[in-house]
Protein backbone atom coordinates (compact mmCIF):
# COMPACT_ATOMS: atom_id res chain seq x y z
CA MET A 1 -75.23 -84.14 37.44
CA SER A 2 -74.68 -83.60 33.70
CA LYS A 3 -77.59 -82.78 31.39
CA ILE A 4 -76.66 -84.16 28.05
CA LEU A 5 -78.38 -83.87 24.42
CA VAL A 6 -77.46 -87.01 22.39
CA THR A 7 -78.06 -86.57 18.67
CA GLY A 8 -78.72 -89.81 16.90
CA GLY A 9 -79.29 -91.65 20.04
CA ALA A 10 -81.55 -94.14 18.32
CA GLY A 11 -78.75 -95.26 15.85
CA PHE A 12 -76.56 -98.20 16.76
CA ILE A 13 -73.73 -96.43 18.21
CA GLY A 14 -75.84 -93.60 19.86
CA ALA A 15 -78.22 -96.22 21.59
CA ASN A 16 -75.22 -98.05 22.98
CA PHE A 17 -73.78 -94.90 24.25
CA VAL A 18 -77.27 -94.01 25.80
CA HIS A 19 -77.19 -97.52 27.54
CA TYR A 20 -73.76 -97.16 28.82
CA TRP A 21 -74.18 -93.76 30.24
CA ARG A 22 -77.52 -94.63 31.85
CA GLY A 23 -75.63 -97.50 33.40
CA GLU A 24 -72.59 -95.37 34.61
CA TYR A 25 -74.36 -92.19 35.39
CA PRO A 26 -77.99 -92.88 36.27
CA ALA A 27 -78.60 -89.46 37.80
CA ASP A 28 -77.71 -87.54 34.69
CA VAL A 29 -80.44 -86.19 32.29
CA LEU A 30 -80.29 -87.57 28.85
CA VAL A 31 -82.18 -86.08 26.07
CA VAL A 32 -82.14 -88.08 22.75
CA LEU A 33 -82.94 -86.14 19.56
CA ASP A 34 -83.36 -88.61 16.57
CA ALA A 35 -84.86 -87.98 13.11
CA LEU A 36 -85.61 -91.78 12.91
CA THR A 37 -84.45 -92.33 9.49
CA TYR A 38 -83.35 -95.62 8.18
CA ALA A 39 -80.51 -95.97 10.70
CA GLY A 40 -82.70 -95.00 13.77
CA ASN A 41 -84.59 -97.73 15.91
CA PRO A 42 -86.74 -96.48 18.71
CA ALA A 43 -86.80 -100.13 19.93
CA SER A 44 -83.30 -99.69 20.79
CA LEU A 45 -84.19 -97.38 23.60
CA GLU A 46 -87.08 -99.37 24.91
CA ALA A 47 -85.13 -100.37 28.11
CA VAL A 48 -84.51 -96.64 29.15
CA LYS A 49 -87.46 -94.82 27.70
CA GLU A 50 -89.55 -94.80 31.07
CA GLN A 51 -86.53 -93.97 33.13
CA ALA A 52 -86.53 -90.68 35.18
CA GLY A 53 -84.24 -88.09 33.48
CA PHE A 54 -84.65 -89.76 30.19
CA HIS A 55 -86.43 -87.77 27.26
CA PHE A 56 -86.81 -88.83 23.72
CA VAL A 57 -87.39 -86.04 20.87
CA HIS A 58 -88.39 -87.19 17.39
CA GLY A 59 -86.84 -84.34 15.35
CA ASN A 60 -84.09 -83.22 13.10
CA ILE A 61 -80.74 -81.52 13.87
CA LEU A 62 -81.43 -79.20 11.08
CA ASP A 63 -84.15 -77.51 13.08
CA GLN A 64 -81.93 -74.92 14.97
CA ALA A 65 -85.13 -73.52 16.87
CA LEU A 66 -85.89 -76.97 18.02
CA VAL A 67 -82.24 -77.73 19.23
CA GLU A 68 -81.97 -74.25 21.07
CA GLY A 69 -85.40 -74.91 22.92
CA LEU A 70 -84.11 -78.30 24.03
CA LEU A 71 -80.67 -76.69 25.19
CA ARG A 72 -82.62 -74.14 27.13
CA GLU A 73 -85.64 -76.18 28.34
CA HIS A 74 -83.40 -78.83 29.79
CA GLU A 75 -80.40 -76.70 30.70
CA ILE A 76 -78.26 -79.02 28.45
CA ASP A 77 -74.48 -78.70 29.35
CA THR A 78 -73.10 -81.30 27.07
CA ILE A 79 -73.84 -82.17 23.42
CA VAL A 80 -72.85 -85.80 22.14
CA HIS A 81 -73.25 -85.39 18.38
CA PHE A 82 -73.65 -88.86 16.61
CA ALA A 83 -76.39 -87.83 14.30
CA ALA A 84 -75.30 -88.36 10.65
CA GLU A 85 -75.93 -90.09 7.36
CA SER A 86 -73.29 -92.90 7.43
CA HIS A 87 -73.99 -95.32 4.70
CA VAL A 88 -71.03 -95.02 2.25
CA ASP A 89 -72.85 -96.68 -0.72
CA ARG A 90 -75.93 -94.35 -0.23
CA SER A 91 -73.64 -91.41 -0.26
CA ILE A 92 -72.44 -92.40 -3.78
CA HIS A 93 -75.85 -92.86 -5.22
CA GLY A 94 -77.38 -89.73 -3.43
CA PRO A 95 -74.93 -87.46 -1.76
CA ASP A 96 -77.29 -84.52 -1.19
CA ALA A 97 -78.77 -86.21 2.18
CA PHE A 98 -75.06 -86.47 3.53
CA ILE A 99 -74.24 -82.80 2.69
CA GLU A 100 -77.50 -81.69 4.39
CA THR A 101 -77.28 -83.75 7.53
CA ASN A 102 -73.69 -84.03 8.01
CA ILE A 103 -72.57 -80.52 7.07
CA VAL A 104 -75.72 -78.41 7.41
CA GLY A 105 -77.05 -80.33 10.29
CA THR A 106 -73.74 -80.08 12.10
CA HIS A 107 -73.58 -76.38 11.55
CA SER A 108 -77.17 -76.02 12.73
CA MET A 109 -76.03 -77.64 16.12
CA LEU A 110 -73.05 -75.50 16.33
CA LYS A 111 -75.08 -72.26 15.83
CA ALA A 112 -77.66 -73.37 18.29
CA ALA A 113 -74.81 -74.11 20.83
CA ARG A 114 -73.15 -70.80 20.20
CA GLU A 115 -76.47 -68.98 20.44
CA VAL A 116 -77.50 -70.79 23.74
CA TRP A 117 -74.02 -71.37 25.44
CA LEU A 118 -71.95 -68.48 24.26
CA ALA A 119 -74.53 -65.66 24.29
CA GLY A 120 -74.17 -64.75 28.03
CA SER A 121 -75.24 -67.89 29.67
CA GLY A 122 -71.76 -68.33 31.39
CA ARG A 123 -72.46 -72.00 31.82
CA GLU A 124 -69.85 -74.64 31.46
CA HIS A 125 -70.40 -76.51 28.33
CA ARG A 126 -68.86 -79.32 26.06
CA PHE A 127 -69.82 -80.15 22.34
CA HIS A 128 -68.70 -83.83 21.60
CA HIS A 129 -68.44 -84.47 17.85
CA VAL A 130 -68.31 -87.97 16.57
CA SER A 131 -66.45 -88.47 13.47
CA THR A 132 -65.32 -91.59 11.41
CA ASP A 133 -61.84 -92.91 10.46
CA GLU A 134 -63.19 -92.59 6.83
CA VAL A 135 -62.07 -88.95 6.65
CA TYR A 136 -58.51 -90.31 6.68
CA GLY A 137 -59.00 -92.37 3.35
CA SER A 138 -58.25 -96.07 2.91
CA LEU A 139 -55.56 -98.19 4.21
CA GLY A 140 -53.62 -100.79 2.37
CA PRO A 141 -52.49 -104.07 4.00
CA ALA A 142 -48.89 -102.79 4.76
CA ASP A 143 -50.00 -99.07 5.58
CA PRO A 144 -49.39 -97.90 9.15
CA PRO A 145 -52.66 -97.34 11.11
CA PHE A 146 -54.29 -93.87 11.11
CA THR A 147 -53.75 -91.42 14.04
CA GLU A 148 -55.38 -88.22 14.79
CA THR A 149 -52.44 -86.46 13.08
CA THR A 150 -52.88 -88.43 9.79
CA ALA A 151 -53.86 -85.87 7.04
CA TYR A 152 -57.46 -86.08 5.79
CA ALA A 153 -58.11 -87.70 2.44
CA PRO A 154 -61.75 -88.44 2.13
CA ASN A 155 -62.78 -90.58 -0.81
CA SER A 156 -66.50 -90.67 -0.83
CA PRO A 157 -69.19 -88.11 -0.49
CA TYR A 158 -69.84 -89.63 3.08
CA SER A 159 -66.30 -89.18 4.33
CA ALA A 160 -65.91 -85.59 2.70
CA SER A 161 -69.11 -84.57 4.49
CA LYS A 162 -67.86 -85.84 7.90
CA ALA A 163 -64.37 -84.09 7.17
CA SER A 164 -66.22 -80.90 6.54
CA SER A 165 -68.18 -81.13 9.80
CA ASP A 166 -64.95 -82.02 11.64
CA HIS A 167 -63.61 -78.74 10.27
CA LEU A 168 -66.67 -76.72 11.15
CA VAL A 169 -66.57 -77.94 14.76
CA ARG A 170 -62.82 -76.99 14.95
CA SER A 171 -63.47 -73.60 13.60
CA TYR A 172 -66.14 -72.87 16.18
CA HIS A 173 -63.76 -73.88 18.82
CA HIS A 174 -60.96 -71.70 17.53
CA THR A 175 -63.16 -68.82 16.43
CA TYR A 176 -66.03 -68.55 19.22
CA GLY A 177 -64.57 -70.61 21.97
CA LEU A 178 -67.03 -73.36 21.79
CA GLN A 179 -65.61 -76.23 23.97
């Protein structure tokens, strides 16, 4: 049985992941952490909110103490990190929220995971970071499709913030052994 913290689980993709996972692995514990900003919709979790092993927490990934508490309280072994500011046009008109959530928030999640998982717990763990193809730039009609080896070429504050968070996650794997 896995115990999974899903950030951004009330957003469109996160909620669909929650429904998929509950259907496939009903014995697993799911803890959803969501700030319920413009993209979060608690009604999308209505069908699972009363199920055993499901917990919803209204909170922010920037709150490292909250995240550490959830990891400890629920003995989380897996983080699936969907939480992000993701509206490209909003990033152009107001990039600060994207820097704060996508970079600083992801760093807060990584610090919490490192503190709880790597500070002697010895537990198996997995940090799944969800990115976007926007980090690779734009494709023209005749361009080949992106692959995971395509060089990063972010063209908006949104994609630059996601590319930054990708690099942070990679660095925590290589520097600290975060899986």
